[in-house]
Amino acid sequence: MRITFNEALAQQIYAGSDYFLMPSAFEPSGLSQMMAMRYGSIPVVHLVGGLRDSVQPYNQYTGAGTGFGFDNYSSVVLGEIMSYAYRIYHEDAPAWQRLQQQAMAQDLIGGIRRRITSVSINK
């Protein structure tokens, strides 16, 4: 068996998913969540490093946001934020669609450039 990266398959997975779970303990740049947002897959992330920089947590009062995030790195908090995202998805379709539109509208190329530059400078 040979394991390789398949770009076409990766794009299909992003495009076919509703959520993108990325609960990294450490993430210096984070490009995967930006790819997910491009395809309308809403990121659920631990707000650390590049994830904090690129994912704006959903605000139920203003409708702002591009995903869901949590600060306290624990399985309990992860479960709570996943349940919250699930409720929005199933109970407030207009809010979910706004999240998708806002996520897809992100300047991903600029974000990728900033992350690559940041990682290069910090080495």
PDB file of N, CA and C in Angstrom:
ATOM      1  N   MET A   1       0.846  -1.173   0.000  1.00  0.00           N
ATOM      2  CA  MET A   1       0.000   0.000   0.000  1.00  0.00           C
ATOM      3  C   MET A   1       0.895   1.241   0.000  1.00  0.00           C
ATOM      4  N   ARG A   2       0.513   2.204  -0.805  1.00  0.00           N
ATOM      5  CA  ARG A   2       1.251   3.461  -0.902  1.00  0.00           C
ATOM      6  C   ARG A   2       0.321   4.602  -0.511  1.00  0.00           C
ATOM      7  N   ILE A   3       0.746   5.392   0.441  1.00  0.00           N
ATOM      8  CA  ILE A   3      -0.057   6.527   0.893  1.00  0.00           C
ATOM      9  C   ILE A   3       0.533   7.791   0.283  1.00  0.00           C
ATOM     10  N   THR A   4      -0.293   8.500  -0.457  1.00  0.00           N
ATOM     11  CA  THR A   4       0.129   9.751  -1.088  1.00  0.00           C
ATOM     12  C   THR A   4      -0.981  10.782  -0.938  1.00  0.00           C
ATOM     13  N   PHE A   5      -0.646  12.014  -1.223  1.00  0.00           N
ATOM     14  CA  PHE A   5      -1.635  13.084  -1.198  1.00  0.00           C
ATOM     15  C   PHE A   5      -2.333  13.147  -2.545  1.00  0.00           C
ATOM     16  N   ASN A   6      -3.646  13.219  -2.501  1.00  0.00           N
ATOM     17  CA  ASN A   6      -4.445  13.305  -3.721  1.00  0.00           C
ATOM     18  C   ASN A   6      -5.231  14.610  -3.654  1.00  0.00           C
ATOM     19  N   GLU A   7      -4.791  15.612  -4.408  1.00  0.00           N
ATOM     20  CA  GLU A   7      -5.404  16.941  -4.344  1.00  0.00           C
ATOM     21  C   GLU A   7      -6.881  16.917  -4.733  1.00  0.00           C
ATOM     22  N   ALA A   8      -7.229  16.177  -5.759  1.00  0.00           N
ATOM     23  CA  ALA A   8      -8.630  16.116  -6.198  1.00  0.00           C
ATOM     24  C   ALA A   8      -9.509  15.514  -5.096  1.00  0.00           C
ATOM     25  N   LEU A   9      -9.024  14.464  -4.448  1.00  0.00           N
ATOM     26  CA  LEU A   9      -9.779  13.846  -3.360  1.00  0.00           C
ATOM     27  C   LEU A   9      -9.906  14.812  -2.179  1.00  0.00           C
ATOM     28  N   ALA A  10      -8.829  15.516  -1.862  1.00  0.00           N
ATOM     29  CA  ALA A  10      -8.871  16.489  -0.767  1.00  0.00           C
ATOM     30  C   ALA A  10      -9.920  17.563  -1.042  1.00  0.00           C
ATOM     31  N   GLN A  11      -9.973  18.055  -2.268  1.00  0.00           N
ATOM     32  CA  GLN A  11     -10.955  19.073  -2.622  1.00  0.00           C
ATOM     33  C   GLN A  11     -12.378  18.538  -2.500  1.00  0.00           C
ATOM     34  N   GLN A  12     -12.590  17.304  -2.880  1.00  0.00           N
ATOM     35  CA  GLN A  12     -13.921  16.693  -2.756  1.00  0.00           C
ATOM     36  C   GLN A  12     -14.321  16.542  -1.289  1.00  0.00           C
ATOM     37  N   ILE A  13     -13.362  16.193  -0.447  1.00  0.00           N
ATOM     38  CA  ILE A  13     -13.658  16.046   0.984  1.00  0.00           C
ATOM     39  C   ILE A  13     -14.021  17.400   1.582  1.00  0.00           C
ATOM     40  N   TYR A  14     -13.218  18.432   1.286  1.00  0.00           N
ATOM     41  CA  TYR A  14     -13.552  19.775   1.781  1.00  0.00           C
ATOM     42  C   TYR A  14     -14.934  20.195   1.296  1.00  0.00           C
ATOM     43  N   ALA A  15     -15.182  20.058   0.007  1.00  0.00           N
ATOM     44  CA  ALA A  15     -16.436  20.528  -0.586  1.00  0.00           C
ATOM     45  C   ALA A  15     -17.634  19.729  -0.101  1.00  0.00           C
ATOM     46  N   GLY A  16     -17.423  18.486   0.261  1.00  0.00           N
ATOM     47  CA  GLY A  16     -18.533  17.631   0.677  1.00  0.00           C
ATOM     48  C   GLY A  16     -18.816  17.643   2.171  1.00  0.00           C
ATOM     49  N   SER A  17     -18.005  18.371   2.928  1.00  0.00           N
ATOM     50  CA  SER A  17     -18.206  18.385   4.382  1.00  0.00           C
ATOM     51  C   SER A  17     -18.901  19.662   4.827  1.00  0.00           C
ATOM     52  N   ASP A  18     -19.658  19.549   5.902  1.00  0.00           N
ATOM     53  CA  ASP A  18     -20.335  20.711   6.477  1.00  0.00           C
ATOM     54  C   ASP A  18     -19.455  21.417   7.502  1.00  0.00           C
ATOM     55  N   TYR A  19     -18.644  20.622   8.213  1.00  0.00           N
ATOM     56  CA  TYR A  19     -17.746  21.143   9.242  1.00  0.00           C
ATOM     57  C   TYR A  19     -16.329  20.665   8.941  1.00  0.00           C
ATOM     58  N   PHE A  20     -15.366  21.408   9.476  1.00  0.00           N
ATOM     59  CA  PHE A  20     -13.978  20.974   9.415  1.00  0.00           C
ATOM     60  C   PHE A  20     -13.424  21.080  10.829  1.00  0.00           C
ATOM     61  N   LEU A  21     -13.176  19.955  11.459  1.00  0.00           N
ATOM     62  CA  LEU A  21     -12.712  19.924  12.838  1.00  0.00           C
ATOM     63  C   LEU A  21     -11.192  19.980  12.880  1.00  0.00           C
ATOM     64  N   MET A  22     -10.655  20.978  13.588  1.00  0.00           N
ATOM     65  CA  MET A  22      -9.210  21.154  13.697  1.00  0.00           C
ATOM     66  C   MET A  22      -8.868  21.593  15.122  1.00  0.00           C
ATOM     67  N   PRO A  23      -8.905  20.641  16.069  1.00  0.00           N
ATOM     68  CA  PRO A  23      -8.661  20.985  17.475  1.00  0.00           C
ATOM     69  C   PRO A  23      -7.187  20.903  17.872  1.00  0.00           C
ATOM     70  N   SER A  24      -6.303  21.471  17.053  1.00  0.00           N
ATOM     71  CA  SER A  24      -4.859  21.403  17.281  1.00  0.00           C
ATOM     72  C   SER A  24      -4.459  22.024  18.614  1.00  0.00           C
ATOM     73  N   ALA A  25      -3.512  21.384  19.307  1.00  0.00           N
ATOM     74  CA  ALA A  25      -2.949  21.970  20.522  1.00  0.00           C
ATOM     75  C   ALA A  25      -1.964  23.069  20.148  1.00  0.00           C
ATOM     76  N   PHE A  26      -1.328  22.918  18.991  1.00  0.00           N
ATOM     77  CA  PHE A  26      -0.328  23.870  18.507  1.00  0.00           C
ATOM     78  C   PHE A  26      -0.487  23.961  16.994  1.00  0.00           C
ATOM     79  N   GLU A  27      -0.566  25.165  16.476  1.00  0.00           N
ATOM     80  CA  GLU A  27      -0.740  25.328  15.024  1.00  0.00           C
ATOM     81  C   GLU A  27      -0.098  26.636  14.602  1.00  0.00           C
ATOM     82  N   PRO A  28       1.158  26.592  14.143  1.00  0.00           N
ATOM     83  CA  PRO A  28       1.844  27.844  13.805  1.00  0.00           C
ATOM     84  C   PRO A  28       1.246  28.590  12.623  1.00  0.00           C
ATOM     85  N   SER A  29       0.728  27.885  11.643  1.00  0.00           N
ATOM     86  CA  SER A  29       0.200  28.603  10.478  1.00  0.00           C
ATOM     87  C   SER A  29      -1.237  28.239  10.180  1.00  0.00           C
ATOM     88  N   GLY A  30      -1.544  27.003  10.005  1.00  0.00           N
ATOM     89  CA  GLY A  30      -2.907  26.587   9.750  1.00  0.00           C
ATOM     90  C   GLY A  30      -3.408  26.968   8.379  1.00  0.00           C
ATOM     91  N   LEU A  31      -3.195  26.117   7.413  1.00  0.00           N
ATOM     92  CA  LEU A  31      -3.706  26.354   6.071  1.00  0.00           C
ATOM     93  C   LEU A  31      -4.978  25.550   5.803  1.00  0.00           C
ATOM     94  N   SER A  32      -5.128  24.433   6.495  1.00  0.00           N
ATOM     95  CA  SER A  32      -6.269  23.544   6.236  1.00  0.00           C
ATOM     96  C   SER A  32      -7.607  24.212   6.503  1.00  0.00           C
ATOM     97  N   GLN A  33      -7.699  24.983   7.582  1.00  0.00           N
ATOM     98  CA  GLN A  33      -8.966  25.647   7.882  1.00  0.00           C
ATOM     99  C   GLN A  33      -9.306  26.682   6.816  1.00  0.00           C
ATOM    100  N   MET A  34      -8.284  27.286   6.209  1.00  0.00           N
ATOM    101  CA  MET A  34      -8.550  28.256   5.144  1.00  0.00           C
ATOM    102  C   MET A  34      -9.054  27.554   3.886  1.00  0.00           C
ATOM    103  N   MET A  35      -8.508  26.383   3.601  1.00  0.00           N
ATOM    104  CA  MET A  35      -9.010  25.599   2.470  1.00  0.00           C
ATOM    105  C   MET A  35     -10.458  25.189   2.730  1.00  0.00           C
ATOM    106  N   ALA A  36     -10.741  24.763   3.951  1.00  0.00           N
ATOM    107  CA  ALA A  36     -12.110  24.368   4.292  1.00  0.00           C
ATOM    108  C   ALA A  36     -13.074  25.543   4.082  1.00  0.00           C
ATOM    109  N   MET A  37     -12.698  26.726   4.559  1.00  0.00           N
ATOM    110  CA  MET A  37     -13.562  27.897   4.401  1.00  0.00           C
ATOM    111  C   MET A  37     -13.812  28.204   2.934  1.00  0.00           C
ATOM    112  N   ARG A  38     -12.797  28.016   2.119  1.00  0.00           N
ATOM    113  CA  ARG A  38     -12.945  28.279   0.676  1.00  0.00           C
ATOM    114  C   ARG A  38     -14.058  27.444   0.070  1.00  0.00           C
ATOM    115  N   TYR A  39     -14.225  26.241   0.591  1.00  0.00           N
ATOM    116  CA  TYR A  39     -15.233  25.315   0.074  1.00  0.00           C
ATOM    117  C   TYR A  39     -16.543  25.358   0.860  1.00  0.00           C
ATOM    118  N   GLY A  40     -16.652  26.274   1.822  1.00  0.00           N
ATOM    119  CA  GLY A  40     -17.893  26.399   2.581  1.00  0.00           C
ATOM    120  C   GLY A  40     -18.021  25.408   3.720  1.00  0.00           C
ATOM    121  N   SER A  41     -16.942  24.742   4.063  1.00  0.00           N
ATOM    122  CA  SER A  41     -16.918  23.829   5.206  1.00  0.00           C
ATOM    123  C   SER A  41     -16.500  24.649   6.424  1.00  0.00           C
ATOM    124  N   ILE A  42     -17.382  24.758   7.399  1.00  0.00           N
ATOM    125  CA  ILE A  42     -17.170  25.656   8.529  1.00  0.00           C
ATOM    126  C   ILE A  42     -16.173  25.062   9.523  1.00  0.00           C
ATOM    127  N   PRO A  43     -15.077  25.790   9.802  1.00  0.00           N
ATOM    128  CA  PRO A  43     -14.079  25.266  10.730  1.00  0.00           C
ATOM    129  C   PRO A  43     -14.521  25.347  12.185  1.00  0.00           C
ATOM    130  N   VAL A  44     -14.215  24.297  12.916  1.00  0.00           N
ATOM    131  CA  VAL A  44     -14.381  24.241  14.368  1.00  0.00           C
ATOM    132  C   VAL A  44     -12.963  24.040  14.894  1.00  0.00           C
ATOM    133  N   VAL A  45     -12.403  25.076  15.518  1.00  0.00           N
ATOM    134  CA  VAL A  45     -10.977  25.071  15.831  1.00  0.00           C
ATOM    135  C   VAL A  45     -10.672  25.458  17.274  1.00  0.00           C
ATOM    136  N   HIS A  46      -9.524  24.972  17.739  1.00  0.00           N
ATOM    137  CA  HIS A  46      -8.937  25.477  18.980  1.00  0.00           C
ATOM    138  C   HIS A  46      -8.255  26.784  18.607  1.00  0.00           C
ATOM    139  N   LEU A  47      -8.622  27.864  19.253  1.00  0.00           N
ATOM    140  CA  LEU A  47      -8.131  29.195  18.878  1.00  0.00           C
ATOM    141  C   LEU A  47      -6.688  29.391  19.339  1.00  0.00           C
ATOM    142  N   VAL A  48      -5.773  28.874  18.517  1.00  0.00           N
ATOM    143  CA  VAL A  48      -4.348  28.943  18.818  1.00  0.00           C
ATOM    144  C   VAL A  48      -3.592  29.242  17.521  1.00  0.00           C
ATOM    145  N   GLY A  49      -2.520  30.033  17.611  1.00  0.00           N
ATOM    146  CA  GLY A  49      -1.660  30.312  16.461  1.00  0.00           C
ATOM    147  C   GLY A  49      -2.426  30.834  15.257  1.00  0.00           C
ATOM    148  N   GLY A  50      -2.155  30.212  14.104  1.00  0.00           N
ATOM    149  CA  GLY A  50      -2.777  30.619  12.853  1.00  0.00           C
ATOM    150  C   GLY A  50      -4.277  30.399  12.827  1.00  0.00           C
ATOM    151  N   LEU A  51      -4.770  29.497  13.666  1.00  0.00           N
ATOM    152  CA  LEU A  51      -6.222  29.260  13.723  1.00  0.00           C
ATOM    153  C   LEU A  51      -6.926  30.474  14.335  1.00  0.00           C
ATOM    154  N   ARG A  52      -6.319  31.041  15.362  1.00  0.00           N
ATOM    155  CA  ARG A  52      -6.880  32.256  15.983  1.00  0.00           C
ATOM    156  C   ARG A  52      -6.872  33.413  14.984  1.00  0.00           C
ATOM    157  N   ASP A  53      -5.823  33.477  14.170  1.00  0.00           N
ATOM    158  CA  ASP A  53      -5.684  34.564  13.207  1.00  0.00           C
ATOM    159  C   ASP A  53      -6.662  34.479  12.049  1.00  0.00           C
ATOM    160  N   SER A  54      -7.071  33.271  11.682  1.00  0.00           N
ATOM    161  CA  SER A  54      -7.848  33.114  10.447  1.00  0.00           C
ATOM    162  C   SER A  54      -9.319  32.762  10.644  1.00  0.00           C
ATOM    163  N   VAL A  55      -9.701  32.291  11.816  1.00  0.00           N
ATOM    164  CA  VAL A  55     -11.101  31.921  12.051  1.00  0.00           C
ATOM    165  C   VAL A  55     -11.715  32.889  13.054  1.00  0.00           C
ATOM    166  N   GLN A  56     -12.728  33.595  12.608  1.00  0.00           N
ATOM    167  CA  GLN A  56     -13.454  34.509  13.498  1.00  0.00           C
ATOM    168  C   GLN A  56     -14.629  33.730  14.081  1.00  0.00           C
ATOM    169  N   PRO A  57     -14.649  33.514  15.421  1.00  0.00           N
ATOM    170  CA  PRO A  57     -15.746  32.744  16.024  1.00  0.00           C
ATOM    171  C   PRO A  57     -17.113  33.382  15.750  1.00  0.00           C
ATOM    172  N   TYR A  58     -18.072  32.524  15.523  1.00  0.00           N
ATOM    173  CA  TYR A  58     -19.448  32.952  15.257  1.00  0.00           C
ATOM    174  C   TYR A  58     -20.008  33.708  16.454  1.00  0.00           C
ATOM    175  N   ASN A  59     -20.672  34.835  16.178  1.00  0.00           N
ATOM    176  CA  ASN A  59     -21.350  35.630  17.199  1.00  0.00           C
ATOM    177  C   ASN A  59     -22.839  35.555  16.915  1.00  0.00           C
ATOM    178  N   GLN A  60     -23.578  34.884  17.774  1.00  0.00           N
ATOM    179  CA  GLN A  60     -25.004  34.678  17.531  1.00  0.00           C
ATOM    180  C   GLN A  60     -25.811  35.969  17.573  1.00  0.00           C
ATOM    181  N   TYR A  61     -25.280  37.023  18.180  1.00  0.00           N
ATOM    182  CA  TYR A  61     -26.021  38.273  18.301  1.00  0.00           C
ATOM    183  C   TYR A  61     -25.849  39.174  17.075  1.00  0.00           C
ATOM    184  N   THR A  62     -24.672  39.159  16.489  1.00  0.00           N
ATOM    185  CA  THR A  62     -24.413  40.014  15.329  1.00  0.00           C
ATOM    186  C   THR A  62     -24.423  39.241  14.012  1.00  0.00           C
ATOM    187  N   GLY A  63     -24.254  37.928  14.094  1.00  0.00           N
ATOM    188  CA  GLY A  63     -24.170  37.102  12.891  1.00  0.00           C
ATOM    189  C   GLY A  63     -22.772  37.074  12.288  1.00  0.00           C
ATOM    190  N   ALA A  64     -21.835  37.817  12.889  1.00  0.00           N
ATOM    191  CA  ALA A  64     -20.463  37.839  12.384  1.00  0.00           C
ATOM    192  C   ALA A  64     -19.783  36.506  12.657  1.00  0.00           C
ATOM    193  N   GLY A  65     -18.780  36.209  11.859  1.00  0.00           N
ATOM    194  CA  GLY A  65     -17.970  35.025  12.097  1.00  0.00           C
ATOM    195  C   GLY A  65     -17.727  34.220  10.843  1.00  0.00           C
ATOM    196  N   THR A  66     -16.717  33.348  10.938  1.00  0.00           N
ATOM    197  CA  THR A  66     -16.371  32.454   9.837  1.00  0.00           C
ATOM    198  C   THR A  66     -16.240  31.016  10.310  1.00  0.00           C
ATOM    199  N   GLY A  67     -16.540  30.759  11.571  1.00  0.00           N
ATOM    200  CA  GLY A  67     -16.423  29.408  12.111  1.00  0.00           C
ATOM    201  C   GLY A  67     -16.728  29.400  13.594  1.00  0.00           C
ATOM    202  N   PHE A  68     -16.271  28.351  14.254  1.00  0.00           N
ATOM    203  CA  PHE A  68     -16.470  28.192  15.691  1.00  0.00           C
ATOM    204  C   PHE A  68     -15.120  27.933  16.318  1.00  0.00           C
ATOM    205  N   GLY A  69     -14.887  28.526  17.488  1.00  0.00           N
ATOM    206  CA  GLY A  69     -13.603  28.342  18.135  1.00  0.00           C
ATOM    207  C   GLY A  69     -13.741  28.239  19.635  1.00  0.00           C
ATOM    208  N   PHE A  70     -12.715  27.649  20.252  1.00  0.00           N
ATOM    209  CA  PHE A  70     -12.692  27.521  21.701  1.00  0.00           C
ATOM    210  C   PHE A  70     -11.270  27.764  22.201  1.00  0.00           C
ATOM    211  N   ASP A  71     -11.162  28.319  23.414  1.00  0.00           N
ATOM    212  CA  ASP A  71      -9.862  28.651  23.996  1.00  0.00           C
ATOM    213  C   ASP A  71      -9.347  27.558  24.937  1.00  0.00           C
ATOM    214  N   ASN A  72     -10.210  27.030  25.761  1.00  0.00           N
ATOM    215  CA  ASN A  72      -9.807  26.040  26.764  1.00  0.00           C
ATOM    216  C   ASN A  72      -9.622  24.679  26.097  1.00  0.00           C
ATOM    217  N   TYR A  73      -8.392  24.218  26.029  1.00  0.00           N
ATOM    218  CA  TYR A  73      -8.073  22.971  25.312  1.00  0.00           C
ATOM    219  C   TYR A  73      -8.465  21.757  26.161  1.00  0.00           C
ATOM    220  N   SER A  74      -9.726  21.373  26.049  1.00  0.00           N
ATOM    221  CA  SER A  74     -10.209  20.194  26.768  1.00  0.00           C
ATOM    222  C   SER A  74     -11.287  19.509  25.940  1.00  0.00           C
ATOM    223  N   SER A  75     -11.423  18.219  26.154  1.00  0.00           N
ATOM    224  CA  SER A  75     -12.424  17.457  25.404  1.00  0.00           C
ATOM    225  C   SER A  75     -13.837  17.909  25.745  1.00  0.00           C
ATOM    226  N   VAL A  76     -14.054  18.344  26.965  1.00  0.00           N
ATOM    227  CA  VAL A  76     -15.390  18.814  27.373  1.00  0.00           C
ATOM    228  C   VAL A  76     -15.763  20.069  26.583  1.00  0.00           C
ATOM    229  N   VAL A  77     -14.839  21.027  26.514  1.00  0.00           N
ATOM    230  CA  VAL A  77     -15.106  22.273  25.792  1.00  0.00           C
ATOM    231  C   VAL A  77     -15.239  21.989  24.298  1.00  0.00           C
ATOM    232  N   LEU A  78     -14.413  21.106  23.768  1.00  0.00           N
ATOM    233  CA  LEU A  78     -14.531  20.717  22.358  1.00  0.00           C
ATOM    234  C   LEU A  78     -15.920  20.144  22.088  1.00  0.00           C
ATOM    235  N   GLY A  79     -16.402  19.265  22.963  1.00  0.00           N
ATOM    236  CA  GLY A  79     -17.738  18.697  22.808  1.00  0.00           C
ATOM    237  C   GLY A  79     -18.825  19.761  22.843  1.00  0.00           C
ATOM    238  N   GLU A  80     -18.660  20.738  23.728  1.00  0.00           N
ATOM    239  CA  GLU A  80     -19.645  21.815  23.839  1.00  0.00           C
ATOM    240  C   GLU A  80     -19.698  22.659  22.570  1.00  0.00           C
ATOM    241  N   ILE A  81     -18.524  23.008  22.029  1.00  0.00           N
ATOM    242  CA  ILE A  81     -18.516  23.855  20.828  1.00  0.00           C
ATOM    243  C   ILE A  81     -19.021  23.072  19.624  1.00  0.00           C
ATOM    244  N   MET A  82     -18.738  21.772  19.577  1.00  0.00           N
ATOM    245  CA  MET A  82     -19.263  20.952  18.487  1.00  0.00           C
ATOM    246  C   MET A  82     -20.788  20.857  18.580  1.00  0.00           C
ATOM    247  N   SER A  83     -21.316  20.724  19.786  1.00  0.00           N
ATOM    248  CA  SER A  83     -22.774  20.689  19.975  1.00  0.00           C
ATOM    249  C   SER A  83     -23.404  22.010  19.564  1.00  0.00           C
ATOM    250  N   TYR A  84     -22.737  23.114  19.901  1.00  0.00           N
ATOM    251  CA  TYR A  84     -23.233  24.434  19.533  1.00  0.00           C
ATOM    252  C   TYR A  84     -23.270  24.579  18.011  1.00  0.00           C
ATOM    253  N   ALA A  85     -22.200  24.183  17.334  1.00  0.00           N
ATOM    254  CA  ALA A  85     -22.163  24.250  15.870  1.00  0.00           C
ATOM    255  C   ALA A  85     -23.256  23.369  15.269  1.00  0.00           C
ATOM    256  N   TYR A  86     -23.448  22.205  15.828  1.00  0.00           N
ATOM    257  CA  TYR A  86     -24.483  21.274  15.360  1.00  0.00           C
ATOM    258  C   TYR A  86     -25.877  21.907  15.481  1.00  0.00           C
ATOM    259  N   ARG A  87     -26.118  22.583  16.619  1.00  0.00           N
ATOM    260  CA  ARG A  87     -27.424  23.237  16.824  1.00  0.00           C
ATOM    261  C   ARG A  87     -27.654  24.345  15.795  1.00  0.00           C
ATOM    262  N   ILE A  88     -26.631  25.157  15.540  1.00  0.00           N
ATOM    263  CA  ILE A  88     -26.782  26.225  14.541  1.00  0.00           C
ATOM    264  C   ILE A  88     -27.077  25.612  13.180  1.00  0.00           C
ATOM    265  N   TYR A  89     -26.346  24.581  12.825  1.00  0.00           N
ATOM    266  CA  TYR A  89     -26.522  23.912  11.529  1.00  0.00           C
ATOM    267  C   TYR A  89     -27.949  23.387  11.365  1.00  0.00           C
ATOM    268  N   HIS A  90     -28.476  22.763  12.411  1.00  0.00           N
ATOM    269  CA  HIS A  90     -29.794  22.121  12.304  1.00  0.00           C
ATOM    270  C   HIS A  90     -30.974  23.026  12.640  1.00  0.00           C
ATOM    271  N   GLU A  91     -30.735  24.070  13.429  1.00  0.00           N
ATOM    272  CA  GLU A  91     -31.863  24.883  13.900  1.00  0.00           C
ATOM    273  C   GLU A  91     -31.913  26.294  13.324  1.00  0.00           C
ATOM    274  N   ASP A  92     -30.852  26.731  12.665  1.00  0.00           N
ATOM    275  CA  ASP A  92     -30.827  28.096  12.129  1.00  0.00           C
ATOM    276  C   ASP A  92     -30.120  28.108  10.774  1.00  0.00           C
ATOM    277  N   ALA A  93     -30.801  27.554   9.771  1.00  0.00           N
ATOM    278  CA  ALA A  93     -30.221  27.447   8.424  1.00  0.00           C
ATOM    279  C   ALA A  93     -29.771  28.803   7.868  1.00  0.00           C
ATOM    280  N   PRO A  94     -30.528  29.893   8.054  1.00  0.00           N
ATOM    281  CA  PRO A  94     -30.052  31.179   7.532  1.00  0.00           C
ATOM    282  C   PRO A  94     -28.717  31.612   8.160  1.00  0.00           C
ATOM    283  N   ALA A  95     -28.552  31.381   9.459  1.00  0.00           N
ATOM    284  CA  ALA A  95     -27.293  31.729  10.126  1.00  0.00           C
ATOM    285  C   ALA A  95     -26.151  30.878   9.573  1.00  0.00           C
ATOM    286  N   TRP A  96     -26.414  29.594   9.357  1.00  0.00           N
ATOM    287  CA  TRP A  96     -25.381  28.705   8.822  1.00  0.00           C
ATOM    288  C   TRP A  96     -24.966  29.138   7.411  1.00  0.00           C
ATOM    289  N   GLN A  97     -25.945  29.497   6.609  1.00  0.00           N
ATOM    290  CA  GLN A  97     -25.638  29.941   5.248  1.00  0.00           C
ATOM    291  C   GLN A  97     -24.835  31.239   5.246  1.00  0.00           C
ATOM    292  N   ARG A  98     -25.145  32.143   6.189  1.00  0.00           N
ATOM    293  CA  ARG A  98     -24.359  33.376   6.326  1.00  0.00           C
ATOM    294  C   ARG A  98     -22.914  33.043   6.707  1.00  0.00           C
ATOM    295  N   LEU A  99     -22.764  32.106   7.647  1.00  0.00           N
ATOM    296  CA  LEU A  99     -21.421  31.672   8.041  1.00  0.00           C
ATOM    297  C   LEU A  99     -20.646  31.154   6.834  1.00  0.00           C
ATOM    298  N   GLN A 100     -21.293  30.325   6.036  1.00  0.00           N
ATOM    299  CA  GLN A 100     -20.631  29.785   4.847  1.00  0.00           C
ATOM    300  C   GLN A 100     -20.229  30.904   3.886  1.00  0.00           C
ATOM    301  N   GLN A 101     -21.138  31.840   3.650  1.00  0.00           N
ATOM    302  CA  GLN A 101     -20.840  32.940   2.731  1.00  0.00           C
ATOM    303  C   GLN A 101     -19.686  33.790   3.260  1.00  0.00           C
ATOM    304  N   GLN A 102     -19.697  34.067   4.548  1.00  0.00           N
ATOM    305  CA  GLN A 102     -18.634  34.876   5.153  1.00  0.00           C
ATOM    306  C   GLN A 102     -17.303  34.127   5.115  1.00  0.00           C
ATOM    307  N   ALA A 103     -17.326  32.838   5.357  1.00  0.00           N
ATOM    308  CA  ALA A 103     -16.102  32.032   5.317  1.00  0.00           C
ATOM    309  C   ALA A 103     -15.541  31.973   3.901  1.00  0.00           C
ATOM    310  N   MET A 104     -16.412  31.762   2.922  1.00  0.00           N
ATOM    311  CA  MET A 104     -15.950  31.662   1.537  1.00  0.00           C
ATOM    312  C   MET A 104     -15.439  32.997   1.007  1.00  0.00           C
ATOM    313  N   ALA A 105     -15.858  34.104   1.613  1.00  0.00           N
ATOM    314  CA  ALA A 105     -15.450  35.428   1.159  1.00  0.00           C
ATOM    315  C   ALA A 105     -14.089  35.865   1.720  1.00  0.00           C
ATOM    316  N   GLN A 106     -13.477  35.051   2.560  1.00  0.00           N
ATOM    317  CA  GLN A 106     -12.186  35.405   3.160  1.00  0.00           C
ATOM    318  C   GLN A 106     -11.103  35.539   2.090  1.00  0.00           C
ATOM    319  N   ASP A 107     -10.153  36.439   2.351  1.00  0.00           N
ATOM    320  CA  ASP A 107      -9.000  36.627   1.467  1.00  0.00           C
ATOM    321  C   ASP A 107      -7.983  35.531   1.781  1.00  0.00           C
ATOM    322  N   LEU A 108      -8.160  34.378   1.159  1.00  0.00           N
ATOM    323  CA  LEU A 108      -7.310  33.233   1.466  1.00  0.00           C
ATOM    324  C   LEU A 108      -5.899  33.392   0.948  1.00  0.00           C
ATOM    325  N   ILE A 109      -5.727  33.962  -0.209  1.00  0.00           N
ATOM    326  CA  ILE A 109      -4.390  34.121  -0.763  1.00  0.00           C
ATOM    327  C   ILE A 109      -3.560  35.039   0.138  1.00  0.00           C
ATOM    328  N   GLY A 110      -4.148  36.151   0.543  1.00  0.00           N
ATOM    329  CA  GLY A 110      -3.449  37.043   1.465  1.00  0.00           C
ATOM    330  C   GLY A 110      -3.164  36.354   2.789  1.00  0.00           C
ATOM    331  N   GLY A 111      -4.107  35.572   3.271  1.00  0.00           N
ATOM    332  CA  GLY A 111      -3.922  34.840   4.517  1.00  0.00           C
ATOM    333  C   GLY A 111      -2.808  33.817   4.419  1.00  0.00           C
ATOM    334  N   ILE A 112      -2.752  33.107   3.300  1.00  0.00           N
ATOM    335  CA  ILE A 112      -1.692  32.115   3.100  1.00  0.00           C
ATOM    336  C   ILE A 112      -0.339  32.822   3.033  1.00  0.00           C
ATOM    337  N   ARG A 113      -0.273  33.923   2.306  1.00  0.00           N
ATOM    338  CA  ARG A 113       0.996  34.670   2.216  1.00  0.00           C
ATOM    339  C   ARG A 113       1.450  35.135   3.602  1.00  0.00           C
ATOM    340  N   ARG A 114       0.509  35.657   4.398  1.00  0.00           N
ATOM    341  CA  ARG A 114       0.862  36.128   5.739  1.00  0.00           C
ATOM    342  C   ARG A 114       1.384  34.979   6.596  1.00  0.00           C
ATOM    343  N   ARG A 115       0.749  33.806   6.488  1.00  0.00           N
ATOM    344  CA  ARG A 115       1.183  32.680   7.296  1.00  0.00           C
ATOM    345  C   ARG A 115       2.558  32.152   6.875  1.00  0.00           C
ATOM    346  N   ILE A 116       2.776  32.087   5.591  1.00  0.00           N
ATOM    347  CA  ILE A 116       4.075  31.616   5.083  1.00  0.00           C
ATOM    348  C   ILE A 116       5.159  32.595   5.514  1.00  0.00           C
ATOM    349  N   THR A 117       4.898  33.885   5.389  1.00  0.00           N
ATOM    350  CA  THR A 117       5.867  34.911   5.798  1.00  0.00           C
ATOM    351  C   THR A 117       6.131  34.828   7.294  1.00  0.00           C
ATOM    352  N   SER A 118       5.056  34.663   8.084  1.00  0.00           N
ATOM    353  CA  SER A 118       5.186  34.578   9.531  1.00  0.00           C
ATOM    354  C   SER A 118       6.013  33.369   9.944  1.00  0.00           C
ATOM    355  N   VAL A 119       5.756  32.228   9.341  1.00  0.00           N
ATOM    356  CA  VAL A 119       6.501  31.012   9.672  1.00  0.00           C
ATOM    357  C   VAL A 119       7.960  31.182   9.270  1.00  0.00           C
ATOM    358  N   SER A 120       8.221  31.772   8.104  1.00  0.00           N
ATOM    359  CA  SER A 120       9.585  31.972   7.630  1.00  0.00           C
ATOM    360  C   SER A 120      10.356  32.920   8.546  1.00  0.00           C
ATOM    361  N   ILE A 121       9.715  33.978   8.987  1.00  0.00           N
ATOM    362  CA  ILE A 121      10.360  34.978   9.847  1.00  0.00           C
ATOM    363  C   ILE A 121      10.640  34.386  11.222  1.00  0.00           C
ATOM    364  N   ASN A 122       9.723  33.564  11.728  1.00  0.00           N
ATOM    365  CA  ASN A 122       9.858  33.024  13.078  1.00  0.00           C
ATOM    366  C   ASN A 122      10.846  31.881  13.182  1.00  0.00           C
ATOM    367  N   LYS A 123      11.361  31.378  12.076  1.00  0.00           N
ATOM    368  CA  LYS A 123      12.316  30.259  12.130  1.00  0.00           C
ATOM    369  C   LYS A 123      13.688  30.715  12.514  1.00  0.00           C
TER     370      LYS A 123
END
